[in-house]
């Protein structure tokens, strides 16, 4: 996840600047007292990045260290198992597992965000009101991904990235190039209604970009389903009547 309170971004050391791993990037947890950024992440002389994330599962770190010793590692967003471990074993009192699962499915895999929402109906209601406005500022995906990969993010892009940290996830492909995806079907529904439902060209632009690579085909399927139900079938029903 990308966001001011979730992670901070550091350029990787120039030693990791290799032809074999172009366009990689670093995500480092913002809790520097718990896990300070590794020294090789703080060099200002590299335009490449390495992905690092926190996790309550030691196996993640073992695998990550093995990859780091040879080249570059990529860690995916938290799984349900990791979110469950963090919410029931590292938080006191433990969060209700059923409520945590519901929030995870509906609002995505940003751990702190999910933990803040569980059992807090007022916070959920407030967040629901904010989602449509935040999604109207969604950047053009291809430009945004290129900016991340090339480390050329300008001021507005950085602000957008922080504002949407609980709405989008950055997923690397097999070549470690970043791709933007929506965090859940529920968020895709908000995005469709706020931005795409009444803008044919914009809908197809996002749909084509999401469906162009395997890492982001799931949100493309969500958007197509919404388009079919809310636009195509609705239009057909209106014509029939």
Foldseek 3Di string as FASTA:
>chain_A
DDADQAWDWFAFACVLVDPQQALATETHGPPCVVPNDDPRRHDPPDQHHAYDHDFPDVVQVVVQVVCVVPHGDHDFFDDLVRLQCCQVPVDPPHADSVQLVVLCQQQARRNVVSSVPRPDVVVVVVVVVCLLVLLVLDDQFVVLLVCSSRVPDDDSSSVSCNSCVRFWDWDADPSNRTGIEGGHLNSLVSNCVNPNVPPPVVLVSVLCRQCVDPVRNVSSVSSVVCCCVVPVVVVVVVVVD
